[in-house]
Amino acid sequence: MNSNASESDLADSYFSPAGTGSYHALFPGVSIRTSACERMMLSVVTFEAGGTVPDHAHPHEQVGYLVSGQLDFTIGGITRRLGPGDQWRIPGGVSHRVVAVDGPAVALDIFNPVRDDYR
């Protein structure tokens, strides 16, 4: 920010109130809300029961944390049932898919570099 920026402008660039950010309905039962800096992006992914992110890969590194619910998470052909507090690491280019099981789920993902398709 330049020296003429007001405190309010600075606050808006530093903080994102709940429910703000870029919103995308990715797949039936799966939505994402994102916030990005220059080189990384945080996303909050919300799954309805049975919501599925189909098998895909992207060049971005991705790390994540399951806040609530349960996910069947497949990375590079290996599947694990994850619960709250579990984390994952996905190198760029590695295929992965996710299914919410036994109810809704909320996950945090961090991408590097920023995914322009989610801005």
C-alpha atoms as a PDB file:
ATOM      1  CA  MET A   1       0.000   0.000   0.000  1.00  0.00           C
ATOM      2  CA  ASN A   2       1.205   3.520  -0.667  1.00  0.00           C
ATOM      3  CA  SER A   3       1.721   6.077   2.074  1.00  0.00           C
ATOM      4  CA  ASN A   4      -1.557   7.804   1.127  1.00  0.00           C
ATOM      5  CA  ALA A   5      -3.616   4.712   1.855  1.00  0.00           C
ATOM      6  CA  SER A   6      -6.053   5.086   4.717  1.00  0.00           C
ATOM      7  CA  GLU A   7      -6.196   2.688   7.639  1.00  0.00           C
ATOM      8  CA  SER A   8      -9.517   1.411   6.266  1.00  0.00           C
ATOM      9  CA  ASP A   9      -7.882   0.622   2.892  1.00  0.00           C
ATOM     10  CA  LEU A  10      -5.090  -1.203   4.694  1.00  0.00           C
ATOM     11  CA  ALA A  11      -7.551  -3.137   6.841  1.00  0.00           C
ATOM     12  CA  ASP A  12      -9.475  -4.217   3.727  1.00  0.00           C
ATOM     13  CA  SER A  13      -6.247  -5.516   2.195  1.00  0.00           C
ATOM     14  CA  TYR A  14      -5.279  -7.403   5.372  1.00  0.00           C
ATOM     15  CA  PHE A  15      -8.564  -8.909   6.594  1.00  0.00           C
ATOM     16  CA  SER A  16     -11.386 -10.892   4.945  1.00  0.00           C
ATOM     17  CA  PRO A  17     -14.589 -11.156   6.988  1.00  0.00           C
ATOM     18  CA  ALA A  18     -16.392 -14.514   7.010  1.00  0.00           C
ATOM     19  CA  GLY A  19     -18.347 -15.114   3.839  1.00  0.00           C
ATOM     20  CA  THR A  20     -16.172 -12.817   1.705  1.00  0.00           C
ATOM     21  CA  GLY A  21     -13.629 -13.657  -0.980  1.00  0.00           C
ATOM     22  CA  SER A  22     -14.030 -15.207  -4.379  1.00  0.00           C
ATOM     23  CA  TYR A  23     -16.805 -17.842  -4.444  1.00  0.00           C
ATOM     24  CA  HIS A  24     -17.064 -20.747  -6.885  1.00  0.00           C
ATOM     25  CA  ALA A  25     -19.515 -23.657  -7.061  1.00  0.00           C
ATOM     26  CA  LEU A  26     -17.024 -26.281  -8.263  1.00  0.00           C
ATOM     27  CA  PHE A  27     -19.120 -29.441  -8.554  1.00  0.00           C
ATOM     28  CA  PRO A  28     -22.534 -30.546  -7.279  1.00  0.00           C
ATOM     29  CA  GLY A  29     -22.275 -30.368  -3.491  1.00  0.00           C
ATOM     30  CA  VAL A  30     -18.796 -28.736  -3.481  1.00  0.00           C
ATOM     31  CA  SER A  31     -18.056 -25.003  -3.240  1.00  0.00           C
ATOM     32  CA  ILE A  32     -14.953 -22.957  -2.544  1.00  0.00           C
ATOM     33  CA  ARG A  33     -14.245 -19.486  -1.176  1.00  0.00           C
ATOM     34  CA  THR A  34     -10.730 -18.131  -1.706  1.00  0.00           C
ATOM     35  CA  SER A  35      -8.379 -15.376  -0.599  1.00  0.00           C
ATOM     36  CA  ALA A  36      -5.035 -14.810  -2.312  1.00  0.00           C
ATOM     37  CA  CYS A  37      -1.783 -12.911  -1.913  1.00  0.00           C
ATOM     38  CA  GLU A  38       0.866 -12.708  -4.622  1.00  0.00           C
ATOM     39  CA  ARG A  39       2.235 -16.253  -4.278  1.00  0.00           C
ATOM     40  CA  MET A  40      -0.253 -18.314  -2.303  1.00  0.00           C
ATOM     41  CA  MET A  41      -3.976 -18.832  -1.963  1.00  0.00           C
ATOM     42  CA  LEU A  42      -6.115 -20.019   0.952  1.00  0.00           C
ATOM     43  CA  SER A  43      -9.394 -21.698   0.170  1.00  0.00           C
ATOM     44  CA  VAL A  44     -12.266 -22.858   2.349  1.00  0.00           C
ATOM     45  CA  VAL A  45     -13.903 -25.845   0.681  1.00  0.00           C
ATOM     46  CA  THR A  46     -17.439 -26.780   1.740  1.00  0.00           C
ATOM     47  CA  PHE A  47     -18.790 -30.252   0.948  1.00  0.00           C
ATOM     48  CA  GLU A  48     -22.384 -31.380   1.222  1.00  0.00           C
ATOM     49  CA  ALA A  49     -22.839 -35.058   2.118  1.00  0.00           C
ATOM     50  CA  GLY A  50     -21.629 -37.083  -0.868  1.00  0.00           C
ATOM     51  CA  GLY A  51     -20.085 -34.014  -2.531  1.00  0.00           C
ATOM     52  CA  THR A  52     -17.309 -35.170  -4.853  1.00  0.00           C
ATOM     53  CA  VAL A  53     -14.275 -33.527  -6.421  1.00  0.00           C
ATOM     54  CA  PRO A  54     -13.524 -35.872  -9.348  1.00  0.00           C
ATOM     55  CA  ASP A  55     -10.071 -37.165 -10.222  1.00  0.00           C
ATOM     56  CA  HIS A  56      -7.880 -34.321 -11.474  1.00  0.00           C
ATOM     57  CA  ALA A  57      -4.369 -32.874 -11.330  1.00  0.00           C
ATOM     58  CA  HIS A  58      -2.949 -29.351 -11.570  1.00  0.00           C
ATOM     59  CA  PRO A  59       0.550 -27.855 -11.542  1.00  0.00           C
ATOM     60  CA  HIS A  60      -0.011 -26.144  -8.163  1.00  0.00           C
ATOM     61  CA  GLU A  61       1.293 -27.566  -4.892  1.00  0.00           C
ATOM     62  CA  GLN A  62      -1.576 -28.075  -2.455  1.00  0.00           C
ATOM     63  CA  VAL A  63      -1.626 -28.663   1.290  1.00  0.00           C
ATOM     64  CA  GLY A  64      -4.786 -28.962   3.337  1.00  0.00           C
ATOM     65  CA  TYR A  65      -6.414 -29.444   6.712  1.00  0.00           C
ATOM     66  CA  LEU A  66      -9.805 -31.003   7.475  1.00  0.00           C
ATOM     67  CA  VAL A  67     -11.778 -28.745   9.804  1.00  0.00           C
ATOM     68  CA  SER A  68     -14.910 -30.889  10.143  1.00  0.00           C
ATOM     69  CA  GLY A  69     -16.573 -33.972   8.719  1.00  0.00           C
ATOM     70  CA  GLN A  70     -15.012 -36.961   6.985  1.00  0.00           C
ATOM     71  CA  LEU A  71     -13.461 -37.248   3.541  1.00  0.00           C
ATOM     72  CA  ASP A  72     -12.347 -40.199   1.463  1.00  0.00           C
ATOM     73  CA  PHE A  73      -9.255 -38.619  -0.091  1.00  0.00           C
ATOM     74  CA  THR A  74      -7.325 -40.307  -2.903  1.00  0.00           C
ATOM     75  CA  ILE A  75      -3.865 -39.005  -3.844  1.00  0.00           C
ATOM     76  CA  GLY A  76      -1.750 -40.776  -6.440  1.00  0.00           C
ATOM     77  CA  GLY A  77      -4.007 -43.833  -6.255  1.00  0.00           C
ATOM     78  CA  ILE A  78      -3.817 -44.135  -2.427  1.00  0.00           C
ATOM     79  CA  THR A  79      -7.080 -43.595  -0.499  1.00  0.00           C
ATOM     80  CA  ARG A  80      -7.440 -42.662   3.162  1.00  0.00           C
ATOM     81  CA  ARG A  81     -10.483 -41.781   5.263  1.00  0.00           C
ATOM     82  CA  LEU A  82      -9.676 -38.439   6.891  1.00  0.00           C
ATOM     83  CA  GLY A  83     -11.245 -36.839   9.948  1.00  0.00           C
ATOM     84  CA  PRO A  84     -10.980 -33.447  11.655  1.00  0.00           C
ATOM     85  CA  GLY A  85      -7.373 -32.374  12.150  1.00  0.00           C
ATOM     86  CA  ASP A  86      -5.978 -34.613   9.407  1.00  0.00           C
ATOM     87  CA  GLN A  87      -3.810 -32.987   6.757  1.00  0.00           C
ATOM     88  CA  TRP A  88      -2.656 -33.724   3.193  1.00  0.00           C
ATOM     89  CA  ARG A  89       0.164 -32.734   0.860  1.00  0.00           C
ATOM     90  CA  ILE A  90      -0.221 -32.941  -2.920  1.00  0.00           C
ATOM     91  CA  PRO A  91       2.749 -32.202  -5.164  1.00  0.00           C
ATOM     92  CA  GLY A  92       1.985 -30.442  -8.442  1.00  0.00           C
ATOM     93  CA  GLY A  93       0.889 -32.818 -11.205  1.00  0.00           C
ATOM     94  CA  VAL A  94      -0.288 -35.647  -8.892  1.00  0.00           C
ATOM     95  CA  SER A  95      -3.817 -36.915  -9.524  1.00  0.00           C
ATOM     96  CA  HIS A  96      -6.307 -36.692  -6.635  1.00  0.00           C
ATOM     97  CA  ARG A  97     -10.033 -36.916  -5.809  1.00  0.00           C
ATOM     98  CA  VAL A  98     -12.203 -36.296  -2.734  1.00  0.00           C
ATOM     99  CA  VAL A  99     -15.611 -37.550  -1.519  1.00  0.00           C
ATOM    100  CA  ALA A 100     -17.444 -36.310   1.587  1.00  0.00           C
ATOM    101  CA  VAL A 101     -18.744 -39.292   3.573  1.00  0.00           C
ATOM    102  CA  ASP A 102     -21.291 -39.561   6.379  1.00  0.00           C
ATOM    103  CA  GLY A 103     -22.372 -35.910   6.167  1.00  0.00           C
ATOM    104  CA  PRO A 104     -21.012 -32.479   5.286  1.00  0.00           C
ATOM    105  CA  ALA A 105     -17.362 -31.449   5.618  1.00  0.00           C
ATOM    106  CA  VAL A 106     -15.237 -28.284   5.629  1.00  0.00           C
ATOM    107  CA  ALA A 107     -11.589 -28.218   4.545  1.00  0.00           C
ATOM    108  CA  LEU A 108      -8.855 -25.606   4.182  1.00  0.00           C
ATOM    109  CA  ASP A 109      -6.511 -25.780   1.180  1.00  0.00           C
ATOM    110  CA  ILE A 110      -3.444 -23.693   0.406  1.00  0.00           C
ATOM    111  CA  PHE A 111      -2.187 -23.465  -3.171  1.00  0.00           C
ATOM    112  CA  ASN A 112       1.164 -22.279  -4.473  1.00  0.00           C
ATOM    113  CA  PRO A 113       1.316 -20.621  -6.891  1.00  0.00           C
ATOM    114  CA  VAL A 114      -2.074 -18.897  -6.835  1.00  0.00           C
ATOM    115  CA  ARG A 115      -4.750 -20.603  -8.921  1.00  0.00           C
ATOM    116  CA  ASP A 116      -5.964 -17.939 -11.316  1.00  0.00           C
ATOM    117  CA  ASP A 117      -9.067 -20.033 -12.043  1.00  0.00           C
ATOM    118  CA  TYR A 118     -10.146 -19.567  -8.396  1.00  0.00           C
ATOM    119  CA  ARG A 119      -9.432 -15.826  -8.045  1.00  0.00           C
END
